Amino acid sequence: MYFQFLIEDKSGQILVEKIMDKLRMVHENVFYGCKYFHGIGGFSRKNTVKETKTGKLLNDLATYLRGFDKSLQAMSDEAVVFVVLDNDTRDTEAFRGELEEVAVKNNISIDRVFCIAVEEMEAWLLGDEMAIRNAYPEARMSYIKSYSQDSICGTWEILAEIVYDGGMRKFKEECPTFVEAGKQKCEWAEKIGQCMDIDVNKSPSFQYFIKEVRKRLTV
């Protein structure tokens, strides 16, 4: 089975790779590819080449769906495209409907799944407390008590309070740019991701993701 992932950012790619590598230890005939984008962007009004070569996931979504629909046709019964992105403040089901509408309007026939991390991909990391402890033995786990799983609450900031030395205040001082913050998020995805137990994660949006992956491993 081949999985093609389209992912909002680099840290998301790292986490998905960690998850898929764990599954490959059990399912030897699983293969995957990842394409990460530089942010979520927004839906483009017109489906032109100029407008859909932005490096942003939503802007480029139709172009990439059409491309993989064509390139994976020969193995269409054993291939799936997963689009993995954050929820932000949207209604999750309405947003999933908008994503599916892009596929329908572009006559995409290949199997596809739209996975929406609520609020952000860091919610999937916060769904496994033991993985956080193992990755960061000095983590300030008391901060997780104020977190309601998959809520709209500033998810990555809560994770920063837990695992970053000095918490969010120090983080803002030492990582003032998007580039520096992105590097830290990649580190969290790497370290916590490799410690994650995908069978015990508490995040509902993660559970949706892993359910849809495993569903295709049984075909």
C-alpha atoms as a PDB file:
ATOM      1  CA  MET A   1       0.000   0.000   0.000  1.00  0.00           C
ATOM      2  CA  TYR A   2       1.315   3.438  -0.923  1.00  0.00           C
ATOM      3  CA  PHE A   3       0.468   6.563   1.087  1.00  0.00           C
ATOM      4  CA  GLN A   4       1.135  10.020  -0.340  1.00  0.00           C
ATOM      5  CA  PHE A   5       0.990  12.750   2.289  1.00  0.00           C
ATOM      6  CA  LEU A   6       0.458  16.454   1.628  1.00  0.00           C
ATOM      7  CA  ILE A   7       1.315  18.216   4.894  1.00  0.00           C
ATOM      8  CA  GLU A   8       1.009  21.816   6.038  1.00  0.00           C
ATOM      9  CA  ASP A   9       4.545  22.262   7.346  1.00  0.00           C
ATOM     10  CA  LYS A  10       7.909  20.638   8.047  1.00  0.00           C
ATOM     11  CA  SER A  11       7.227  19.684  11.661  1.00  0.00           C
ATOM     12  CA  GLY A  12       4.049  17.921  10.546  1.00  0.00           C
ATOM     13  CA  GLN A  13       6.043  15.955   8.006  1.00  0.00           C
ATOM     14  CA  ILE A  14       8.520  14.855  10.660  1.00  0.00           C
ATOM     15  CA  LEU A  15       5.724  13.624  12.922  1.00  0.00           C
ATOM     16  CA  VAL A  16       3.918  11.756  10.138  1.00  0.00           C
ATOM     17  CA  GLU A  17       7.189  10.080   9.134  1.00  0.00           C
ATOM     18  CA  LYS A  18       7.733   8.918  12.718  1.00  0.00           C
ATOM     19  CA  ILE A  19       4.221   7.472  12.830  1.00  0.00           C
ATOM     20  CA  MET A  20       4.509   5.724   9.479  1.00  0.00           C
ATOM     21  CA  ASP A  21       7.908   4.260  10.363  1.00  0.00           C
ATOM     22  CA  LYS A  22       6.321   2.713  13.453  1.00  0.00           C
ATOM     23  CA  LEU A  23       3.593   1.163  11.297  1.00  0.00           C
ATOM     24  CA  ARG A  24       6.138  -0.129   8.796  1.00  0.00           C
ATOM     25  CA  MET A  25       7.741  -2.177  11.566  1.00  0.00           C
ATOM     26  CA  VAL A  26       4.541  -4.250  11.548  1.00  0.00           C
ATOM     27  CA  HIS A  27       3.381  -3.804   7.951  1.00  0.00           C
ATOM     28  CA  GLU A  28       6.368  -4.430   5.690  1.00  0.00           C
ATOM     29  CA  ASN A  29       4.486  -3.698   2.462  1.00  0.00           C
ATOM     30  CA  VAL A  30       3.708  -0.102   3.409  1.00  0.00           C
ATOM     31  CA  PHE A  31       5.392   2.668   1.439  1.00  0.00           C
ATOM     32  CA  TYR A  32       4.900   6.394   1.670  1.00  0.00           C
ATOM     33  CA  GLY A  33       5.993   9.781   0.392  1.00  0.00           C
ATOM     34  CA  CYS A  34       5.656  13.204   2.004  1.00  0.00           C
ATOM     35  CA  LYS A  35       5.348  16.644   0.504  1.00  0.00           C
ATOM     36  CA  TYR A  36       5.362  19.480   3.007  1.00  0.00           C
ATOM     37  CA  PHE A  37       4.299  23.044   2.359  1.00  0.00           C
ATOM     38  CA  HIS A  38       5.276  26.393   3.840  1.00  0.00           C
ATOM     39  CA  GLY A  39       2.041  27.012   5.670  1.00  0.00           C
ATOM     40  CA  ILE A  40      -1.657  26.537   5.066  1.00  0.00           C
ATOM     41  CA  GLY A  41      -2.391  29.505   2.780  1.00  0.00           C
ATOM     42  CA  GLY A  42      -5.936  29.835   1.467  1.00  0.00           C
ATOM     43  CA  PHE A  43      -8.139  28.499  -1.300  1.00  0.00           C
ATOM     44  CA  SER A  44      -7.364  30.155  -4.637  1.00  0.00           C
ATOM     45  CA  ARG A  45     -10.189  31.722  -6.647  1.00  0.00           C
ATOM     46  CA  LYS A  46      -8.890  30.477  -9.984  1.00  0.00           C
ATOM     47  CA  ASN A  47      -7.186  27.229 -10.800  1.00  0.00           C
ATOM     48  CA  THR A  48      -4.275  28.735 -12.722  1.00  0.00           C
ATOM     49  CA  VAL A  49      -0.679  27.562 -12.676  1.00  0.00           C
ATOM     50  CA  LYS A  50       0.512  30.967 -11.500  1.00  0.00           C
ATOM     51  CA  GLU A  51      -1.952  31.034  -8.632  1.00  0.00           C
ATOM     52  CA  THR A  52      -1.353  27.464  -7.523  1.00  0.00           C
ATOM     53  CA  LYS A  53       2.446  27.512  -7.306  1.00  0.00           C
ATOM     54  CA  THR A  54       2.667  29.367  -4.024  1.00  0.00           C
ATOM     55  CA  GLY A  55       4.159  26.764  -1.714  1.00  0.00           C
ATOM     56  CA  LYS A  56       1.032  27.042   0.472  1.00  0.00           C
ATOM     57  CA  LEU A  57      -1.076  23.925   0.931  1.00  0.00           C
ATOM     58  CA  LEU A  58      -4.579  25.224   0.257  1.00  0.00           C
ATOM     59  CA  ASN A  59      -3.523  27.375  -2.689  1.00  0.00           C
ATOM     60  CA  ASP A  60      -1.731  24.446  -4.303  1.00  0.00           C
ATOM     61  CA  LEU A  61      -4.138  21.693  -3.243  1.00  0.00           C
ATOM     62  CA  ALA A  62      -6.026  21.284  -6.536  1.00  0.00           C
ATOM     63  CA  THR A  63      -2.794  21.150  -8.537  1.00  0.00           C
ATOM     64  CA  TYR A  64      -1.240  18.460  -6.356  1.00  0.00           C
ATOM     65  CA  LEU A  65      -4.426  16.409  -6.150  1.00  0.00           C
ATOM     66  CA  ARG A  66      -4.664  16.369  -9.937  1.00  0.00           C
ATOM     67  CA  GLY A  67      -0.998  15.482 -10.255  1.00  0.00           C
ATOM     68  CA  PHE A  68      -1.161  12.529  -7.889  1.00  0.00           C
ATOM     69  CA  ASP A  69      -4.513  11.437  -9.284  1.00  0.00           C
ATOM     70  CA  LYS A  70      -2.734  11.035 -12.617  1.00  0.00           C
ATOM     71  CA  SER A  71       0.600   9.625 -11.425  1.00  0.00           C
ATOM     72  CA  LEU A  72      -0.932   7.045  -9.079  1.00  0.00           C
ATOM     73  CA  GLN A  73      -3.659   5.800 -11.434  1.00  0.00           C
ATOM     74  CA  ALA A  74      -1.737   2.634 -12.269  1.00  0.00           C
ATOM     75  CA  MET A  75      -1.874   1.623  -8.605  1.00  0.00           C
ATOM     76  CA  SER A  76      -5.139   3.344  -7.719  1.00  0.00           C
ATOM     77  CA  ASP A  77      -6.442   0.346  -5.762  1.00  0.00           C
ATOM     78  CA  GLU A  78      -3.326   0.375  -3.572  1.00  0.00           C
ATOM     79  CA  ALA A  79      -2.678   4.095  -3.184  1.00  0.00           C
ATOM     80  CA  VAL A  80      -4.186   6.912  -1.160  1.00  0.00           C
ATOM     81  CA  VAL A  81      -3.527  10.625  -0.761  1.00  0.00           C
ATOM     82  CA  PHE A  82      -3.687  12.024   2.779  1.00  0.00           C
ATOM     83  CA  VAL A  83      -3.958  15.779   3.257  1.00  0.00           C
ATOM     84  CA  VAL A  84      -2.840  16.684   6.794  1.00  0.00           C
ATOM     85  CA  LEU A  85      -3.332  20.217   8.094  1.00  0.00           C
ATOM     86  CA  ASP A  86      -4.361  22.317  11.084  1.00  0.00           C
ATOM     87  CA  ASN A  87      -7.845  23.403  12.048  1.00  0.00           C
ATOM     88  CA  ASP A  88      -7.078  26.899  13.382  1.00  0.00           C
ATOM     89  CA  THR A  89     -10.523  28.358  14.166  1.00  0.00           C
ATOM     90  CA  ARG A  90     -12.628  26.665  11.481  1.00  0.00           C
ATOM     91  CA  ASP A  91     -15.464  24.243  12.081  1.00  0.00           C
ATOM     92  CA  THR A  92     -13.739  20.919  11.486  1.00  0.00           C
ATOM     93  CA  GLU A  93     -16.480  19.133   9.566  1.00  0.00           C
ATOM     94  CA  ALA A  94     -17.307  22.174   7.448  1.00  0.00           C
ATOM     95  CA  PHE A  95     -13.616  22.558   6.632  1.00  0.00           C
ATOM     96  CA  ARG A  96     -13.356  18.882   5.656  1.00  0.00           C
ATOM     97  CA  GLY A  97     -16.337  19.438   3.379  1.00  0.00           C
ATOM     98  CA  GLU A  98     -14.556  22.352   1.675  1.00  0.00           C
ATOM     99  CA  LEU A  99     -11.489  20.196   1.104  1.00  0.00           C
ATOM    100  CA  GLU A 100     -13.573  17.385  -0.369  1.00  0.00           C
ATOM    101  CA  GLU A 101     -15.296  19.913  -2.628  1.00  0.00           C
ATOM    102  CA  VAL A 102     -11.899  20.783  -4.154  1.00  0.00           C
ATOM    103  CA  ALA A 103     -11.395  17.099  -4.975  1.00  0.00           C
ATOM    104  CA  VAL A 104     -14.882  16.740  -6.472  1.00  0.00           C
ATOM    105  CA  LYS A 105     -14.604  19.871  -8.606  1.00  0.00           C
ATOM    106  CA  ASN A 106     -11.289  18.608  -9.999  1.00  0.00           C
ATOM    107  CA  ASN A 107     -12.674  15.126 -10.750  1.00  0.00           C
ATOM    108  CA  ILE A 108     -10.232  13.395  -8.412  1.00  0.00           C
ATOM    109  CA  SER A 109     -10.897   9.670  -8.518  1.00  0.00           C
ATOM    110  CA  ILE A 110      -8.089   8.351  -6.323  1.00  0.00           C
ATOM    111  CA  ASP A 111      -8.757   7.475  -2.679  1.00  0.00           C
ATOM    112  CA  ARG A 112      -8.151  10.504  -0.446  1.00  0.00           C
ATOM    113  CA  VAL A 113      -8.448  11.439   3.210  1.00  0.00           C
ATOM    114  CA  PHE A 114      -8.479  14.903   4.767  1.00  0.00           C
ATOM    115  CA  CYS A 115      -7.036  14.819   8.286  1.00  0.00           C
ATOM    116  CA  ILE A 116      -7.431  17.964  10.358  1.00  0.00           C
ATOM    117  CA  ALA A 117      -5.357  18.359  13.515  1.00  0.00           C
ATOM    118  CA  VAL A 118      -7.353  20.245  16.139  1.00  0.00           C
ATOM    119  CA  GLU A 119      -6.121  22.938  16.896  1.00  0.00           C
ATOM    120  CA  GLU A 120      -2.609  22.225  15.631  1.00  0.00           C
ATOM    121  CA  MET A 121      -0.343  19.220  15.029  1.00  0.00           C
ATOM    122  CA  GLU A 122       1.107  19.796  18.493  1.00  0.00           C
ATOM    123  CA  ALA A 123      -2.227  18.484  19.801  1.00  0.00           C
ATOM    124  CA  TRP A 124      -1.114  15.044  18.605  1.00  0.00           C
ATOM    125  CA  LEU A 125       2.064  15.382  20.676  1.00  0.00           C
ATOM    126  CA  LEU A 126       0.093  16.515  23.731  1.00  0.00           C
ATOM    127  CA  GLY A 127      -2.088  13.425  23.310  1.00  0.00           C
ATOM    128  CA  ASP A 128       0.709  11.199  24.639  1.00  0.00           C
ATOM    129  CA  GLU A 129       1.914  12.398  28.038  1.00  0.00           C
ATOM    130  CA  MET A 130       4.335   9.513  28.515  1.00  0.00           C
ATOM    131  CA  ALA A 131       6.010  10.282  25.200  1.00  0.00           C
ATOM    132  CA  ILE A 132       6.537  13.879  26.374  1.00  0.00           C
ATOM    133  CA  ARG A 133       8.033  12.663  29.652  1.00  0.00           C
ATOM    134  CA  ASN A 134      10.347  10.239  27.870  1.00  0.00           C
ATOM    135  CA  ALA A 135      11.478  12.807  25.319  1.00  0.00           C
ATOM    136  CA  TYR A 136      11.873  15.602  27.855  1.00  0.00           C
ATOM    137  CA  PRO A 137      12.554  14.221  31.374  1.00  0.00           C
ATOM    138  CA  GLU A 138      12.604  17.768  32.777  1.00  0.00           C
ATOM    139  CA  ALA A 139       9.226  18.654  31.250  1.00  0.00           C
ATOM    140  CA  ARG A 140       6.917  20.707  33.452  1.00  0.00           C
ATOM    141  CA  MET A 141       3.943  18.384  33.163  1.00  0.00           C
ATOM    142  CA  SER A 142       1.816  20.419  35.551  1.00  0.00           C
ATOM    143  CA  TYR A 143       0.969  22.710  32.622  1.00  0.00           C
ATOM    144  CA  ILE A 144      -0.834  19.902  30.823  1.00  0.00           C
ATOM    145  CA  LYS A 145      -3.533  19.934  33.499  1.00  0.00           C
ATOM    146  CA  SER A 146      -4.908  23.153  32.008  1.00  0.00           C
ATOM    147  CA  TYR A 147      -5.087  21.636  28.525  1.00  0.00           C
ATOM    148  CA  SER A 148      -8.319  20.190  27.151  1.00  0.00           C
ATOM    149  CA  GLN A 149      -7.423  17.773  24.374  1.00  0.00           C
ATOM    150  CA  ASP A 150      -8.056  19.073  20.841  1.00  0.00           C
ATOM    151  CA  SER A 151      -9.354  22.418  22.031  1.00  0.00           C
ATOM    152  CA  ILE A 152      -8.794  25.827  20.449  1.00  0.00           C
ATOM    153  CA  CYS A 153      -6.531  27.286  23.099  1.00  0.00           C
ATOM    154  CA  GLY A 154      -3.053  28.072  21.784  1.00  0.00           C
ATOM    155  CA  THR A 155      -1.884  24.467  21.592  1.00  0.00           C
ATOM    156  CA  TRP A 156       1.747  24.901  20.625  1.00  0.00           C
ATOM    157  CA  GLU A 157       2.209  27.574  23.270  1.00  0.00           C
ATOM    158  CA  ILE A 158       1.093  25.085  25.925  1.00  0.00           C
ATOM    159  CA  LEU A 159       3.587  22.551  24.624  1.00  0.00           C
ATOM    160  CA  ALA A 160       6.297  25.231  24.778  1.00  0.00           C
ATOM    161  CA  GLU A 161       5.440  25.878  28.436  1.00  0.00           C
ATOM    162  CA  ILE A 162       5.849  22.176  29.129  1.00  0.00           C
ATOM    163  CA  VAL A 163       9.028  21.276  27.264  1.00  0.00           C
ATOM    164  CA  TYR A 164      10.986  24.468  26.559  1.00  0.00           C
ATOM    165  CA  ASP A 165      13.568  25.382  29.179  1.00  0.00           C
ATOM    166  CA  GLY A 166      12.205  28.572  30.683  1.00  0.00           C
ATOM    167  CA  GLY A 167       8.737  28.118  29.223  1.00  0.00           C
ATOM    168  CA  MET A 168       6.906  30.387  26.817  1.00  0.00           C
ATOM    169  CA  ARG A 169       8.493  33.575  28.191  1.00  0.00           C
ATOM    170  CA  LYS A 170      11.986  32.290  27.406  1.00  0.00           C
ATOM    171  CA  PHE A 171      10.796  30.859  24.105  1.00  0.00           C
ATOM    172  CA  LYS A 172       9.649  34.300  22.929  1.00  0.00           C
ATOM    173  CA  GLU A 173      13.038  35.769  23.811  1.00  0.00           C
ATOM    174  CA  GLU A 174      15.127  33.055  22.154  1.00  0.00           C
ATOM    175  CA  CYS A 175      12.881  32.215  19.194  1.00  0.00           C
ATOM    176  CA  PRO A 176      11.416  35.540  18.038  1.00  0.00           C
ATOM    177  CA  THR A 177      11.046  34.628  14.340  1.00  0.00           C
ATOM    178  CA  PHE A 178       8.886  32.109  12.475  1.00  0.00           C
ATOM    179  CA  VAL A 179      12.048  30.336  11.315  1.00  0.00           C
ATOM    180  CA  GLU A 180      13.375  29.855  14.850  1.00  0.00           C
ATOM    181  CA  ALA A 181       9.957  28.817  16.169  1.00  0.00           C
ATOM    182  CA  GLY A 182       9.639  26.359  13.293  1.00  0.00           C
ATOM    183  CA  LYS A 183      12.964  24.745  14.182  1.00  0.00           C
ATOM    184  CA  GLN A 184      11.766  24.188  17.733  1.00  0.00           C
ATOM    185  CA  LYS A 185       8.501  22.663  16.519  1.00  0.00           C
ATOM    186  CA  CYS A 186      10.514  20.299  14.312  1.00  0.00           C
ATOM    187  CA  GLU A 187      12.588  19.267  17.327  1.00  0.00           C
ATOM    188  CA  TRP A 188       9.447  18.546  19.353  1.00  0.00           C
ATOM    189  CA  ALA A 189       7.986  16.483  16.533  1.00  0.00           C
ATOM    190  CA  GLU A 190      11.246  14.528  16.203  1.00  0.00           C
ATOM    191  CA  LYS A 191      11.837  13.797  19.873  1.00  0.00           C
ATOM    192  CA  ILE A 192       8.275  13.249  21.057  1.00  0.00           C
ATOM    193  CA  GLY A 193       7.232  11.556  17.830  1.00  0.00           C
ATOM    194  CA  GLN A 194       9.810   8.822  18.169  1.00  0.00           C
ATOM    195  CA  CYS A 195       8.577   8.124  21.715  1.00  0.00           C
ATOM    196  CA  MET A 196       4.864   8.088  20.858  1.00  0.00           C
ATOM    197  CA  ASP A 197       2.685   5.039  21.351  1.00  0.00           C
ATOM    198  CA  ILE A 198       0.137   5.331  18.562  1.00  0.00           C
ATOM    199  CA  ASP A 199      -2.276   3.004  20.364  1.00  0.00           C
ATOM    200  CA  VAL A 200      -2.764   5.182  23.450  1.00  0.00           C
ATOM    201  CA  ASN A 201      -2.825   8.718  22.045  1.00  0.00           C
ATOM    202  CA  LYS A 202      -5.698  10.738  23.545  1.00  0.00           C
ATOM    203  CA  SER A 203      -6.149  13.199  20.681  1.00  0.00           C
ATOM    204  CA  PRO A 204      -9.435  12.573  18.814  1.00  0.00           C
ATOM    205  CA  SER A 205      -8.016  14.087  15.620  1.00  0.00           C
ATOM    206  CA  PHE A 206      -4.985  11.807  15.885  1.00  0.00           C
ATOM    207  CA  GLN A 207      -7.281   8.839  16.427  1.00  0.00           C
ATOM    208  CA  TYR A 208      -9.133   9.787  13.243  1.00  0.00           C
ATOM    209  CA  PHE A 209      -5.833   9.928  11.354  1.00  0.00           C
ATOM    210  CA  ILE A 210      -4.547   6.565  12.574  1.00  0.00           C
ATOM    211  CA  LYS A 211      -7.960   4.919  12.051  1.00  0.00           C
ATOM    212  CA  GLU A 212      -8.011   6.023   8.417  1.00  0.00           C
ATOM    213  CA  VAL A 213      -4.434   4.817   7.892  1.00  0.00           C
ATOM    214  CA  ARG A 214      -5.085   1.415   9.439  1.00  0.00           C
ATOM    215  CA  LYS A 215      -8.324   1.022   7.504  1.00  0.00           C
ATOM    216  CA  ARG A 216      -6.267   0.955   4.325  1.00  0.00           C
ATOM    217  CA  LEU A 217      -3.746  -1.498   5.751  1.00  0.00           C
ATOM    218  CA  THR A 218      -6.475  -4.120   6.022  1.00  0.00           C
ATOM    219  CA  VAL A 219      -7.522  -3.904   2.354  1.00  0.00           C
END
